[in-house]
Amino acid sequence: QVHLVESGGGSVQAGGSLRLSCAASLLPYSSRCLGWFRQAPGKERDGVATIVTGGGVTYYADSVKGRFTISQDNAKKTAYLQMDSLKPEDTAMYYCAATTTARAARGSCTVVPASEYSYWGQGTQVNVSS
């Protein structure tokens, strides 16, 4: 069963923007940690941004602060990652992931490692050219 579906990736020039979407079919949608991760070829998967589903708490990696914005539409059960001022080093496969509600209840979403996210989308590719 597919629980998370990403879309919105593509190719842009440096300085451009993209908005990624993550449509969730998880029930309940709220009270989870939902994170965007990215993985470039030959590199480890890194966390980019996190949001508490149904809530307003957000977290950003230092590398994207001020350029990326995570948001959500609770009614649509969809999370977004608005990416502005893109750089070539942002090129990667981007994934959204969600925890169980039980995992989210144990503490801050900002300290949940990728290994503790239970649900993953298939990924969407972002390419930024210089």
C-alpha atoms as a PDB file:
ATOM      1  CA  GLN A   1       0.000   0.000   0.000  1.00  0.00           C
ATOM      2  CA  VAL A   2       1.348   3.383  -1.002  1.00  0.00           C
ATOM      3  CA  HIS A   3       1.119   5.853   1.832  1.00  0.00           C
ATOM      4  CA  LEU A   4       3.130   8.830   0.528  1.00  0.00           C
ATOM      5  CA  VAL A   5       3.432  10.114  -3.039  1.00  0.00           C
ATOM      6  CA  GLU A   6       5.831  12.897  -3.982  1.00  0.00           C
ATOM      7  CA  SER A   7       5.570  15.113  -7.029  1.00  0.00           C
ATOM      8  CA  GLY A   8       6.915  18.394  -8.337  1.00  0.00           C
ATOM      9  CA  GLY A   9      10.531  17.582  -9.064  1.00  0.00           C
ATOM     10  CA  GLY A  10      12.247  18.689 -12.237  1.00  0.00           C
ATOM     11  CA  SER A  11      15.155  20.566 -13.719  1.00  0.00           C
ATOM     12  CA  VAL A  12      15.835  24.245 -13.078  1.00  0.00           C
ATOM     13  CA  GLN A  13      18.719  26.642 -13.332  1.00  0.00           C
ATOM     14  CA  ALA A  14      20.508  27.946 -10.276  1.00  0.00           C
ATOM     15  CA  GLY A  15      18.469  30.633  -8.584  1.00  0.00           C
ATOM     16  CA  GLY A  16      15.210  29.078  -9.682  1.00  0.00           C
ATOM     17  CA  SER A  17      12.371  27.603  -7.632  1.00  0.00           C
ATOM     18  CA  LEU A  18      10.437  24.371  -7.360  1.00  0.00           C
ATOM     19  CA  ARG A  19       7.622  23.238  -5.101  1.00  0.00           C
ATOM     20  CA  LEU A  20       7.480  19.613  -4.090  1.00  0.00           C
ATOM     21  CA  SER A  21       4.279  17.993  -2.868  1.00  0.00           C
ATOM     22  CA  CYS A  22       3.792  14.959  -0.664  1.00  0.00           C
ATOM     23  CA  ALA A  23       0.283  13.511  -0.705  1.00  0.00           C
ATOM     24  CA  ALA A  24      -0.401  11.263   2.277  1.00  0.00           C
ATOM     25  CA  SER A  25      -2.987   8.539   2.625  1.00  0.00           C
ATOM     26  CA  LEU A  26      -2.025   7.773   6.214  1.00  0.00           C
ATOM     27  CA  LEU A  27      -4.749   7.715   8.822  1.00  0.00           C
ATOM     28  CA  PRO A  28      -4.708   9.713  10.907  1.00  0.00           C
ATOM     29  CA  TYR A  29      -2.748  12.351   9.016  1.00  0.00           C
ATOM     30  CA  SER A  30      -2.112  14.502  12.056  1.00  0.00           C
ATOM     31  CA  SER A  31       0.263  14.021  14.977  1.00  0.00           C
ATOM     32  CA  ARG A  32       3.161  12.600  12.989  1.00  0.00           C
ATOM     33  CA  CYS A  33       6.604  13.834  12.113  1.00  0.00           C
ATOM     34  CA  LEU A  34       6.762  14.429   8.381  1.00  0.00           C
ATOM     35  CA  GLY A  35      10.171  15.048   6.933  1.00  0.00           C
ATOM     36  CA  TRP A  36      11.696  15.856   3.593  1.00  0.00           C
ATOM     37  CA  PHE A  37      14.987  14.101   2.937  1.00  0.00           C
ATOM     38  CA  ARG A  38      17.357  14.173  -0.005  1.00  0.00           C
ATOM     39  CA  GLN A  39      20.032  11.891  -1.337  1.00  0.00           C
ATOM     40  CA  ALA A  40      22.586  12.748  -3.972  1.00  0.00           C
ATOM     41  CA  PRO A  41      24.493  10.017  -5.839  1.00  0.00           C
ATOM     42  CA  GLY A  42      27.219   8.550  -3.640  1.00  0.00           C
ATOM     43  CA  LYS A  43      26.076  10.455  -0.578  1.00  0.00           C
ATOM     44  CA  GLU A  44      24.041   9.640   2.486  1.00  0.00           C
ATOM     45  CA  ARG A  45      20.411  10.569   2.862  1.00  0.00           C
ATOM     46  CA  ASP A  46      20.113  13.890   4.707  1.00  0.00           C
ATOM     47  CA  GLY A  47      17.198  15.530   6.436  1.00  0.00           C
ATOM     48  CA  VAL A  48      16.111  18.803   4.865  1.00  0.00           C
ATOM     49  CA  ALA A  49      12.991  19.941   6.707  1.00  0.00           C
ATOM     50  CA  THR A  50      10.461  18.565   9.161  1.00  0.00           C
ATOM     51  CA  ILE A  51       6.939  19.476  10.163  1.00  0.00           C
ATOM     52  CA  VAL A  52       4.479  18.134  12.694  1.00  0.00           C
ATOM     53  CA  THR A  53       1.428  17.044  10.715  1.00  0.00           C
ATOM     54  CA  GLY A  54      -1.656  18.914  11.833  1.00  0.00           C
ATOM     55  CA  GLY A  55       0.552  21.308  13.795  1.00  0.00           C
ATOM     56  CA  GLY A  56       2.865  24.209  13.089  1.00  0.00           C
ATOM     57  CA  VAL A  57       6.289  23.218  14.334  1.00  0.00           C
ATOM     58  CA  THR A  58       8.954  23.171  11.647  1.00  0.00           C
ATOM     59  CA  TYR A  59      12.662  22.459  11.452  1.00  0.00           C
ATOM     60  CA  TYR A  60      15.234  23.133   8.733  1.00  0.00           C
ATOM     61  CA  ALA A  61      18.727  21.920   8.040  1.00  0.00           C
ATOM     62  CA  ASP A  62      21.262  24.739   8.086  1.00  0.00           C
ATOM     63  CA  SER A  63      21.994  24.237   4.402  1.00  0.00           C
ATOM     64  CA  VAL A  64      18.457  25.223   3.376  1.00  0.00           C
ATOM     65  CA  LYS A  65      17.434  27.753   6.023  1.00  0.00           C
ATOM     66  CA  GLY A  66      16.092  30.908   4.448  1.00  0.00           C
ATOM     67  CA  ARG A  67      15.668  29.217   1.055  1.00  0.00           C
ATOM     68  CA  PHE A  68      13.269  26.309   1.660  1.00  0.00           C
ATOM     69  CA  THR A  69       9.867  26.403   3.344  1.00  0.00           C
ATOM     70  CA  ILE A  70       7.923  23.388   4.543  1.00  0.00           C
ATOM     71  CA  SER A  71       4.146  23.717   4.867  1.00  0.00           C
ATOM     72  CA  GLN A  72       1.018  21.624   4.755  1.00  0.00           C
ATOM     73  CA  ASP A  73      -2.651  21.596   3.864  1.00  0.00           C
ATOM     74  CA  ASN A  74      -4.285  19.511   6.558  1.00  0.00           C
ATOM     75  CA  ALA A  75      -7.567  19.203   4.666  1.00  0.00           C
ATOM     76  CA  LYS A  76      -5.759  17.791   1.645  1.00  0.00           C
ATOM     77  CA  LYS A  77      -3.348  15.735   3.784  1.00  0.00           C
ATOM     78  CA  THR A  78      -0.543  17.129   1.705  1.00  0.00           C
ATOM     79  CA  ALA A  79       2.798  18.585   2.701  1.00  0.00           C
ATOM     80  CA  TYR A  80       4.864  20.901   0.552  1.00  0.00           C
ATOM     81  CA  LEU A  81       8.473  21.914   0.224  1.00  0.00           C
ATOM     82  CA  GLN A  82       8.905  25.285  -1.451  1.00  0.00           C
ATOM     83  CA  MET A  83      12.470  25.540  -2.683  1.00  0.00           C
ATOM     84  CA  ASP A  84      13.767  28.956  -3.695  1.00  0.00           C
ATOM     85  CA  SER A  85      17.210  30.227  -4.662  1.00  0.00           C
ATOM     86  CA  LEU A  86      18.156  26.728  -5.699  1.00  0.00           C
ATOM     87  CA  LYS A  87      21.823  25.826  -5.986  1.00  0.00           C
ATOM     88  CA  PRO A  88      23.541  23.046  -7.938  1.00  0.00           C
ATOM     89  CA  GLU A  89      24.342  21.368  -4.625  1.00  0.00           C
ATOM     90  CA  ASP A  90      20.595  20.958  -4.043  1.00  0.00           C
ATOM     91  CA  THR A  91      20.539  18.381  -6.845  1.00  0.00           C
ATOM     92  CA  ALA A  92      19.300  15.102  -5.377  1.00  0.00           C
ATOM     93  CA  MET A  93      16.424  12.682  -5.129  1.00  0.00           C
ATOM     94  CA  TYR A  94      13.969  14.137  -2.642  1.00  0.00           C
ATOM     95  CA  TYR A  95      11.849  11.929  -0.432  1.00  0.00           C
ATOM     96  CA  CYS A  96       9.082  12.619   2.018  1.00  0.00           C
ATOM     97  CA  ALA A  97       8.674  10.357   5.006  1.00  0.00           C
ATOM     98  CA  ALA A  98       6.394  10.068   8.005  1.00  0.00           C
ATOM     99  CA  THR A  99       6.623   8.489  11.413  1.00  0.00           C
ATOM    100  CA  THR A 100       3.978   6.607  13.284  1.00  0.00           C
ATOM    101  CA  THR A 101       1.927   8.700  15.703  1.00  0.00           C
ATOM    102  CA  ALA A 102       3.485   6.713  18.546  1.00  0.00           C
ATOM    103  CA  ARG A 103       6.999   7.718  17.503  1.00  0.00           C
ATOM    104  CA  ALA A 104       6.027  11.346  17.175  1.00  0.00           C
ATOM    105  CA  ALA A 105       4.513  11.321  20.650  1.00  0.00           C
ATOM    106  CA  ARG A 106       7.828  10.277  22.192  1.00  0.00           C
ATOM    107  CA  GLY A 107       9.541  13.578  21.578  1.00  0.00           C
ATOM    108  CA  SER A 108      10.489  16.412  19.295  1.00  0.00           C
ATOM    109  CA  CYS A 109      10.354  15.732  15.575  1.00  0.00           C
ATOM    110  CA  THR A 110      13.621  17.610  15.183  1.00  0.00           C
ATOM    111  CA  VAL A 111      15.612  14.710  16.657  1.00  0.00           C
ATOM    112  CA  VAL A 112      14.001  11.789  14.811  1.00  0.00           C
ATOM    113  CA  PRO A 113      16.588  10.082  12.581  1.00  0.00           C
ATOM    114  CA  ALA A 114      15.699   8.798   9.137  1.00  0.00           C
ATOM    115  CA  SER A 115      15.837   5.222  10.413  1.00  0.00           C
ATOM    116  CA  GLU A 116      12.828   5.880  12.638  1.00  0.00           C
ATOM    117  CA  TYR A 117      10.546   7.075   9.861  1.00  0.00           C
ATOM    118  CA  SER A 118       8.174   4.218   9.022  1.00  0.00           C
ATOM    119  CA  TYR A 119       6.660   5.443   5.772  1.00  0.00           C
ATOM    120  CA  TRP A 120       8.526   6.646   2.685  1.00  0.00           C
ATOM    121  CA  GLY A 121       7.530   7.911  -0.709  1.00  0.00           C
ATOM    122  CA  GLN A 122       9.151   6.827  -3.948  1.00  0.00           C
ATOM    123  CA  GLY A 123      11.096  10.050  -4.366  1.00  0.00           C
ATOM    124  CA  THR A 124      11.149  12.863  -6.897  1.00  0.00           C
ATOM    125  CA  GLN A 125      14.292  14.031  -8.683  1.00  0.00           C
ATOM    126  CA  VAL A 126      15.488  17.626  -8.496  1.00  0.00           C
ATOM    127  CA  ASN A 127      18.242  18.790 -10.829  1.00  0.00           C
ATOM    128  CA  VAL A 128      19.746  22.259 -10.531  1.00  0.00           C
ATOM    129  CA  SER A 129      22.149  23.382 -13.239  1.00  0.00           C
ATOM    130  CA  SER A 130      24.665  26.185 -12.920  1.00  0.00           C
END
